[in-house]
Amino acid sequence: MIRNKKTFGLGLVLTVSFFVVLWIMFLPYFGGENAFHAADRLFNTISKGSSYYIPDLMEKAKEWDGKTFEIKISVGPDKLRDNVAKILMTNGAMVAQEGQALKVQGDLGSLFKAALKDSDIMYHNRGEEIRSRYGIPEKEALFAWWNALKATDKAFKEQKKFTESKAVAEVIARAVEVGYNYYGIAPEKAAARAGILAFALVFYVVYTMWWGFAIMYLCDGLGLEMKKGAKKEV
């Protein structure tokens, strides 16, 4: 079956070495982790370092000082509803339960600043401050903020208050979700890890080509070729 022993042998060497490197990458040789977990942690720290918009949002929130609102929101199960009510009332909003929904009144600027402050605390991995303030686990508290603001966004859209809705959506996407998703990760700037980043990207390209050449040489050694199909006239 082997038509060209030289290229087949080269393809075999590339294939075996490819899987040897892959096996090594699954071992905990990279700071106690395998290569995939280490790479995931690296890119998470860098992406977190490039996702800090909270100070700018704090400035924007001042524009909403004194802007009162009154909405009715539905936020799901009893425990979540209780958590939402707790964080809103702790931060100065008036909350009353009406059936399975919550009627909320307050100052939009104050609401934004409270959500941003808690998101900032979570971004800087100081979850104990959230726990002591609300008496619930920090990620549950920020999840309650996410649900409260999502429901607020929906309520503003129903009231056709699209400017307010856009502001709420920005706080969710650029603060609350960032604080929640990156909690526990130490932020770093890309410039500080330029060397390892460059190595990772170059290695990814080389390793992909490595496998491609292995397949190509194996196929060539077996006499397999790809040819353009003949065009048939109809």
C-alpha atoms as a PDB file:
ATOM      1  CA  MET A   1       0.000   0.000   0.000  1.00  0.00           C
ATOM      2  CA  ILE A   2       2.916   2.381   0.615  1.00  0.00           C
ATOM      3  CA  ARG A   3       3.886   4.027  -2.669  1.00  0.00           C
ATOM      4  CA  ASN A   4       6.470   6.530  -1.358  1.00  0.00           C
ATOM      5  CA  LYS A   5       8.311   5.327   1.748  1.00  0.00           C
ATOM      6  CA  LYS A   6      10.173   8.615   2.273  1.00  0.00           C
ATOM      7  CA  THR A   7       7.128  10.877   2.498  1.00  0.00           C
ATOM      8  CA  PHE A   8       5.156   8.226   4.385  1.00  0.00           C
ATOM      9  CA  GLY A   9       7.952   7.949   6.942  1.00  0.00           C
ATOM     10  CA  LEU A  10       8.081  11.717   7.326  1.00  0.00           C
ATOM     11  CA  GLY A  11       4.312  11.819   7.768  1.00  0.00           C
ATOM     12  CA  LEU A  12       4.515   9.055  10.379  1.00  0.00           C
ATOM     13  CA  VAL A  13       7.199  10.925  12.344  1.00  0.00           C
ATOM     14  CA  LEU A  14       5.129  14.112  12.268  1.00  0.00           C
ATOM     15  CA  THR A  15       2.010  12.222  13.376  1.00  0.00           C
ATOM     16  CA  VAL A  16       3.717  10.450  16.288  1.00  0.00           C
ATOM     17  CA  SER A  17       5.470  13.618  17.459  1.00  0.00           C
ATOM     18  CA  PHE A  18       2.196  15.562  17.176  1.00  0.00           C
ATOM     19  CA  PHE A  19       0.470  13.146  19.558  1.00  0.00           C
ATOM     20  CA  VAL A  20       3.464  13.056  21.917  1.00  0.00           C
ATOM     21  CA  VAL A  21       3.248  16.856  22.253  1.00  0.00           C
ATOM     22  CA  LEU A  22      -0.534  16.576  22.681  1.00  0.00           C
ATOM     23  CA  TRP A  23      -0.040  14.034  25.472  1.00  0.00           C
ATOM     24  CA  ILE A  24       2.432  16.352  27.212  1.00  0.00           C
ATOM     25  CA  MET A  25      -0.082  19.209  26.923  1.00  0.00           C
ATOM     26  CA  PHE A  26      -2.582  17.152  28.934  1.00  0.00           C
ATOM     27  CA  LEU A  27      -0.118  16.716  31.809  1.00  0.00           C
ATOM     28  CA  PRO A  28       0.067  19.170  34.773  1.00  0.00           C
ATOM     29  CA  TYR A  29       3.410  20.633  33.715  1.00  0.00           C
ATOM     30  CA  PHE A  30       2.226  24.226  33.361  1.00  0.00           C
ATOM     31  CA  GLY A  31       2.049  25.714  36.826  1.00  0.00           C
ATOM     32  CA  GLY A  32       0.247  22.648  38.177  1.00  0.00           C
ATOM     33  CA  GLU A  33      -2.270  22.709  35.320  1.00  0.00           C
ATOM     34  CA  ASN A  34      -2.405  21.187  31.861  1.00  0.00           C
ATOM     35  CA  ALA A  35      -1.661  23.422  28.883  1.00  0.00           C
ATOM     36  CA  PHE A  36      -5.325  23.970  28.054  1.00  0.00           C
ATOM     37  CA  HIS A  37      -6.301  25.141  31.536  1.00  0.00           C
ATOM     38  CA  ALA A  38      -3.179  27.306  31.735  1.00  0.00           C
ATOM     39  CA  ALA A  39      -3.948  28.916  28.379  1.00  0.00           C
ATOM     40  CA  ASP A  40      -7.561  29.485  29.406  1.00  0.00           C
ATOM     41  CA  ARG A  41      -6.400  31.158  32.620  1.00  0.00           C
ATOM     42  CA  LEU A  42      -3.902  33.301  30.709  1.00  0.00           C
ATOM     43  CA  PHE A  43      -6.456  34.607  28.237  1.00  0.00           C
ATOM     44  CA  ASN A  44      -9.012  35.149  31.000  1.00  0.00           C
ATOM     45  CA  THR A  45      -6.592  37.309  33.004  1.00  0.00           C
ATOM     46  CA  ILE A  46      -5.752  39.367  29.926  1.00  0.00           C
ATOM     47  CA  SER A  47      -9.346  39.779  28.785  1.00  0.00           C
ATOM     48  CA  LYS A  48     -10.310  40.842  32.325  1.00  0.00           C
ATOM     49  CA  GLY A  49      -7.552  43.439  32.336  1.00  0.00           C
ATOM     50  CA  SER A  50      -9.004  44.893  29.148  1.00  0.00           C
ATOM     51  CA  SER A  51     -12.627  44.911  30.349  1.00  0.00           C
ATOM     52  CA  TYR A  52     -12.628  47.486  33.142  1.00  0.00           C
ATOM     53  CA  TYR A  53     -15.227  50.100  32.193  1.00  0.00           C
ATOM     54  CA  ILE A  54     -16.710  50.738  35.632  1.00  0.00           C
ATOM     55  CA  PRO A  55     -15.067  54.141  36.344  1.00  0.00           C
ATOM     56  CA  ASP A  56     -16.490  55.537  33.076  1.00  0.00           C
ATOM     57  CA  LEU A  57     -19.903  54.094  33.876  1.00  0.00           C
ATOM     58  CA  MET A  58     -19.776  55.712  37.329  1.00  0.00           C
ATOM     59  CA  GLU A  59     -19.383  59.094  35.622  1.00  0.00           C
ATOM     60  CA  LYS A  60     -22.298  58.366  33.293  1.00  0.00           C
ATOM     61  CA  ALA A  61     -24.463  57.287  36.234  1.00  0.00           C
ATOM     62  CA  LYS A  62     -24.285  60.829  37.641  1.00  0.00           C
ATOM     63  CA  GLU A  63     -26.417  61.978  34.698  1.00  0.00           C
ATOM     64  CA  TRP A  64     -29.298  59.945  36.142  1.00  0.00           C
ATOM     65  CA  ASP A  65     -29.192  61.417  39.632  1.00  0.00           C
ATOM     66  CA  GLY A  66     -32.676  62.581  40.633  1.00  0.00           C
ATOM     67  CA  LYS A  67     -34.366  60.597  37.824  1.00  0.00           C
ATOM     68  CA  THR A  68     -37.101  58.669  39.616  1.00  0.00           C
ATOM     69  CA  PHE A  69     -38.727  55.532  38.273  1.00  0.00           C
ATOM     70  CA  GLU A  70     -41.564  53.191  39.148  1.00  0.00           C
ATOM     71  CA  ILE A  71     -41.734  49.718  37.634  1.00  0.00           C
ATOM     72  CA  LYS A  72     -43.124  46.261  38.263  1.00  0.00           C
ATOM     73  CA  ILE A  73     -40.740  43.367  37.706  1.00  0.00           C
ATOM     74  CA  SER A  74     -40.898  39.575  37.796  1.00  0.00           C
ATOM     75  CA  VAL A  75     -37.672  37.790  38.663  1.00  0.00           C
ATOM     76  CA  GLY A  76     -38.460  34.108  39.119  1.00  0.00           C
ATOM     77  CA  PRO A  77     -38.331  31.770  42.142  1.00  0.00           C
ATOM     78  CA  ASP A  78     -38.989  32.886  45.716  1.00  0.00           C
ATOM     79  CA  LYS A  79     -35.323  32.792  46.805  1.00  0.00           C
ATOM     80  CA  LEU A  80     -34.196  34.882  43.863  1.00  0.00           C
ATOM     81  CA  ARG A  81     -37.068  37.314  44.369  1.00  0.00           C
ATOM     82  CA  ASP A  82     -36.123  37.682  48.032  1.00  0.00           C
ATOM     83  CA  ASN A  83     -32.485  38.343  47.079  1.00  0.00           C
ATOM     84  CA  VAL A  84     -33.514  40.954  44.514  1.00  0.00           C
ATOM     85  CA  ALA A  85     -35.752  42.688  47.050  1.00  0.00           C
ATOM     86  CA  LYS A  86     -32.932  42.613  49.620  1.00  0.00           C
ATOM     87  CA  ILE A  87     -30.292  44.215  47.390  1.00  0.00           C
ATOM     88  CA  LEU A  88     -32.701  46.852  46.085  1.00  0.00           C
ATOM     89  CA  MET A  89     -33.988  47.864  49.531  1.00  0.00           C
ATOM     90  CA  THR A  90     -30.473  47.859  50.985  1.00  0.00           C
ATOM     91  CA  ASN A  91     -29.556  50.407  48.338  1.00  0.00           C
ATOM     92  CA  GLY A  92     -32.464  52.762  48.994  1.00  0.00           C
ATOM     93  CA  ALA A  93     -35.179  51.560  46.615  1.00  0.00           C
ATOM     94  CA  MET A  94     -38.759  51.074  47.825  1.00  0.00           C
ATOM     95  CA  VAL A  95     -39.915  47.519  47.112  1.00  0.00           C
ATOM     96  CA  ALA A  96     -43.356  45.988  47.629  1.00  0.00           C
ATOM     97  CA  GLN A  97     -44.408  42.495  46.649  1.00  0.00           C
ATOM     98  CA  GLU A  98     -47.514  42.234  44.499  1.00  0.00           C
ATOM     99  CA  GLY A  99     -48.304  38.565  43.932  1.00  0.00           C
ATOM    100  CA  GLN A 100     -45.271  37.021  42.244  1.00  0.00           C
ATOM    101  CA  ALA A 101     -43.970  40.419  41.110  1.00  0.00           C
ATOM    102  CA  LEU A 102     -42.128  43.277  42.794  1.00  0.00           C
ATOM    103  CA  LYS A 103     -43.151  46.913  42.582  1.00  0.00           C
ATOM    104  CA  VAL A 104     -40.002  49.016  42.676  1.00  0.00           C
ATOM    105  CA  GLN A 105     -39.614  52.777  43.127  1.00  0.00           C
ATOM    106  CA  GLY A 106     -36.390  54.699  43.413  1.00  0.00           C
ATOM    107  CA  ASP A 107     -33.751  56.960  41.949  1.00  0.00           C
ATOM    108  CA  LEU A 108     -32.162  55.599  38.793  1.00  0.00           C
ATOM    109  CA  GLY A 109     -28.805  57.266  39.444  1.00  0.00           C
ATOM    110  CA  SER A 110     -28.606  55.709  42.906  1.00  0.00           C
ATOM    111  CA  LEU A 111     -29.594  52.325  41.499  1.00  0.00           C
ATOM    112  CA  PHE A 112     -26.857  52.456  38.863  1.00  0.00           C
ATOM    113  CA  LYS A 113     -24.211  53.555  41.363  1.00  0.00           C
ATOM    114  CA  ALA A 114     -25.102  50.735  43.765  1.00  0.00           C
ATOM    115  CA  ALA A 115     -24.945  48.100  41.015  1.00  0.00           C
ATOM    116  CA  LEU A 116     -21.656  49.527  39.749  1.00  0.00           C
ATOM    117  CA  LYS A 117     -20.147  49.644  43.231  1.00  0.00           C
ATOM    118  CA  ASP A 118     -20.966  45.980  43.865  1.00  0.00           C
ATOM    119  CA  SER A 119     -19.700  45.035  40.402  1.00  0.00           C
ATOM    120  CA  ASP A 120     -16.456  46.882  41.097  1.00  0.00           C
ATOM    121  CA  ILE A 121     -16.024  45.054  44.408  1.00  0.00           C
ATOM    122  CA  MET A 122     -16.516  41.735  42.619  1.00  0.00           C
ATOM    123  CA  TYR A 123     -14.158  42.756  39.806  1.00  0.00           C
ATOM    124  CA  HIS A 124     -11.445  43.305  42.411  1.00  0.00           C
ATOM    125  CA  ASN A 125     -12.227  39.938  44.042  1.00  0.00           C
ATOM    126  CA  ARG A 126     -13.398  41.344  47.390  1.00  0.00           C
ATOM    127  CA  GLY A 127     -16.449  39.133  47.679  1.00  0.00           C
ATOM    128  CA  GLU A 128     -16.418  39.141  51.479  1.00  0.00           C
ATOM    129  CA  GLU A 129     -17.590  42.774  51.393  1.00  0.00           C
ATOM    130  CA  ILE A 130     -20.675  41.721  49.434  1.00  0.00           C
ATOM    131  CA  ARG A 131     -21.370  38.803  51.773  1.00  0.00           C
ATOM    132  CA  SER A 132     -21.164  40.979  54.873  1.00  0.00           C
ATOM    133  CA  ARG A 133     -23.392  43.653  53.363  1.00  0.00           C
ATOM    134  CA  TYR A 134     -26.252  41.469  52.130  1.00  0.00           C
ATOM    135  CA  GLY A 135     -25.830  38.289  54.164  1.00  0.00           C
ATOM    136  CA  ILE A 136     -25.849  36.127  51.034  1.00  0.00           C
ATOM    137  CA  PRO A 137     -23.022  34.615  48.933  1.00  0.00           C
ATOM    138  CA  GLU A 138     -21.386  37.204  46.706  1.00  0.00           C
ATOM    139  CA  LYS A 139     -22.148  35.508  43.393  1.00  0.00           C
ATOM    140  CA  GLU A 140     -25.795  35.097  44.411  1.00  0.00           C
ATOM    141  CA  ALA A 141     -25.915  38.815  45.181  1.00  0.00           C
ATOM    142  CA  LEU A 142     -24.510  39.778  41.784  1.00  0.00           C
ATOM    143  CA  PHE A 143     -26.801  37.279  40.094  1.00  0.00           C
ATOM    144  CA  ALA A 144     -29.684  39.029  41.853  1.00  0.00           C
ATOM    145  CA  TRP A 145     -28.406  42.360  40.460  1.00  0.00           C
ATOM    146  CA  TRP A 146     -28.286  40.846  36.982  1.00  0.00           C
ATOM    147  CA  ASN A 147     -31.875  39.603  37.238  1.00  0.00           C
ATOM    148  CA  ALA A 148     -33.100  42.865  38.770  1.00  0.00           C
ATOM    149  CA  LEU A 149     -31.533  44.952  36.005  1.00  0.00           C
ATOM    150  CA  LYS A 150     -32.654  42.584  33.239  1.00  0.00           C
ATOM    151  CA  ALA A 151     -36.222  42.887  34.522  1.00  0.00           C
ATOM    152  CA  THR A 152     -35.794  46.667  34.818  1.00  0.00           C
ATOM    153  CA  ASP A 153     -34.592  46.835  31.215  1.00  0.00           C
ATOM    154  CA  LYS A 154     -37.694  44.920  30.109  1.00  0.00           C
ATOM    155  CA  ALA A 155     -39.981  47.154  32.170  1.00  0.00           C
ATOM    156  CA  PHE A 156     -38.475  50.332  30.677  1.00  0.00           C
ATOM    157  CA  LYS A 157     -38.959  48.975  27.166  1.00  0.00           C
ATOM    158  CA  GLU A 158     -42.598  48.250  27.953  1.00  0.00           C
ATOM    159  CA  GLN A 159     -42.908  51.866  29.148  1.00  0.00           C
ATOM    160  CA  LYS A 160     -41.160  52.983  25.912  1.00  0.00           C
ATOM    161  CA  LYS A 161     -38.355  54.532  27.937  1.00  0.00           C
ATOM    162  CA  PHE A 162     -35.672  53.416  25.521  1.00  0.00           C
ATOM    163  CA  THR A 163     -32.965  55.826  26.717  1.00  0.00           C
ATOM    164  CA  GLU A 164     -33.258  54.438  30.244  1.00  0.00           C
ATOM    165  CA  SER A 165     -33.347  50.903  28.843  1.00  0.00           C
ATOM    166  CA  LYS A 166     -30.112  51.467  26.929  1.00  0.00           C
ATOM    167  CA  ALA A 167     -28.389  52.793  30.057  1.00  0.00           C
ATOM    168  CA  VAL A 168     -29.508  49.751  32.065  1.00  0.00           C
ATOM    169  CA  ALA A 169     -28.285  47.366  29.353  1.00  0.00           C
ATOM    170  CA  GLU A 170     -24.868  49.046  29.381  1.00  0.00           C
ATOM    171  CA  VAL A 171     -24.523  48.626  33.137  1.00  0.00           C
ATOM    172  CA  ILE A 172     -25.446  44.951  32.797  1.00  0.00           C
ATOM    173  CA  ALA A 173     -23.062  44.166  29.937  1.00  0.00           C
ATOM    174  CA  ARG A 174     -20.054  46.269  30.947  1.00  0.00           C
ATOM    175  CA  ALA A 175     -20.180  46.010  34.731  1.00  0.00           C
ATOM    176  CA  VAL A 176     -22.428  43.370  36.302  1.00  0.00           C
ATOM    177  CA  GLU A 177     -21.579  40.590  33.838  1.00  0.00           C
ATOM    178  CA  VAL A 178     -17.883  41.487  33.927  1.00  0.00           C
ATOM    179  CA  GLY A 179     -17.819  41.438  37.737  1.00  0.00           C
ATOM    180  CA  TYR A 180     -19.665  38.118  37.865  1.00  0.00           C
ATOM    181  CA  ASN A 181     -17.849  36.266  35.070  1.00  0.00           C
ATOM    182  CA  TYR A 182     -14.336  37.354  36.055  1.00  0.00           C
ATOM    183  CA  TYR A 183     -14.730  36.979  39.809  1.00  0.00           C
ATOM    184  CA  GLY A 184     -11.706  35.229  41.301  1.00  0.00           C
ATOM    185  CA  ILE A 185      -9.443  35.988  38.315  1.00  0.00           C
ATOM    186  CA  ALA A 186      -6.485  38.355  38.672  1.00  0.00           C
ATOM    187  CA  PRO A 187      -6.520  40.977  35.870  1.00  0.00           C
ATOM    188  CA  GLU A 188      -3.424  41.643  33.750  1.00  0.00           C
ATOM    189  CA  LYS A 189      -2.683  43.893  30.793  1.00  0.00           C
ATOM    190  CA  ALA A 190      -1.749  42.242  27.499  1.00  0.00           C
ATOM    191  CA  ALA A 191       1.497  44.244  27.354  1.00  0.00           C
ATOM    192  CA  ALA A 192       2.662  42.636  30.595  1.00  0.00           C
ATOM    193  CA  ARG A 193       2.352  39.147  29.088  1.00  0.00           C
ATOM    194  CA  ALA A 194       3.384  39.965  25.522  1.00  0.00           C
ATOM    195  CA  GLY A 195       6.041  37.243  25.402  1.00  0.00           C
ATOM    196  CA  ILE A 196       3.864  34.315  26.425  1.00  0.00           C
ATOM    197  CA  LEU A 197       1.010  35.639  24.279  1.00  0.00           C
ATOM    198  CA  ALA A 198       3.235  35.755  21.201  1.00  0.00           C
ATOM    199  CA  PHE A 199       4.514  32.250  21.941  1.00  0.00           C
ATOM    200  CA  ALA A 200       0.977  30.884  22.377  1.00  0.00           C
ATOM    201  CA  LEU A 201      -0.230  32.359  19.088  1.00  0.00           C
ATOM    202  CA  VAL A 202       2.839  31.233  17.127  1.00  0.00           C
ATOM    203  CA  PHE A 203       2.629  27.758  18.669  1.00  0.00           C
ATOM    204  CA  TYR A 204      -1.045  27.502  17.732  1.00  0.00           C
ATOM    205  CA  VAL A 205      -0.271  28.290  14.083  1.00  0.00           C
ATOM    206  CA  VAL A 206       2.747  25.953  13.943  1.00  0.00           C
ATOM    207  CA  TYR A 207       0.924  23.118  15.712  1.00  0.00           C
ATOM    208  CA  THR A 208      -2.028  23.376  13.329  1.00  0.00           C
ATOM    209  CA  MET A 209       0.302  23.280  10.318  1.00  0.00           C
ATOM    210  CA  TRP A 210       2.204  20.394  11.918  1.00  0.00           C
ATOM    211  CA  TRP A 211      -0.915  18.218  11.815  1.00  0.00           C
ATOM    212  CA  GLY A 212      -1.781  19.373   8.309  1.00  0.00           C
ATOM    213  CA  PHE A 213       1.651  18.410   6.946  1.00  0.00           C
ATOM    214  CA  ALA A 214       1.492  15.058   8.773  1.00  0.00           C
ATOM    215  CA  ILE A 215      -1.747  14.185   6.979  1.00  0.00           C
ATOM    216  CA  MET A 216      -0.428  15.469   3.654  1.00  0.00           C
ATOM    217  CA  TYR A 217       2.762  13.369   3.806  1.00  0.00           C
ATOM    218  CA  LEU A 218       0.902  10.257   4.935  1.00  0.00           C
ATOM    219  CA  CYS A 219      -1.520  10.586   2.045  1.00  0.00           C
ATOM    220  CA  ASP A 220       1.319  11.210  -0.386  1.00  0.00           C
ATOM    221  CA  GLY A 221       3.132   8.147   0.915  1.00  0.00           C
ATOM    222  CA  LEU A 222       0.029   6.044   0.319  1.00  0.00           C
ATOM    223  CA  GLY A 223      -0.351   7.464  -3.176  1.00  0.00           C
ATOM    224  CA  LEU A 224      -3.541   9.358  -2.377  1.00  0.00           C
ATOM    225  CA  GLU A 225      -4.067  12.531  -4.384  1.00  0.00           C
ATOM    226  CA  MET A 226      -6.712  15.185  -4.762  1.00  0.00           C
ATOM    227  CA  LYS A 227      -7.530  16.076  -8.343  1.00  0.00           C
ATOM    228  CA  LYS A 228      -9.900  18.584  -9.822  1.00  0.00           C
ATOM    229  CA  GLY A 229     -12.989  16.857 -11.154  1.00  0.00           C
ATOM    230  CA  ALA A 230     -13.564  16.918 -14.896  1.00  0.00           C
ATOM    231  CA  LYS A 231     -16.164  19.420 -16.042  1.00  0.00           C
ATOM    232  CA  LYS A 232     -19.135  17.753 -17.701  1.00  0.00           C
ATOM    233  CA  GLU A 233     -21.026  19.473 -20.446  1.00  0.00           C
ATOM    234  CA  VAL A 234     -24.794  19.330 -20.086  1.00  0.00           C
END
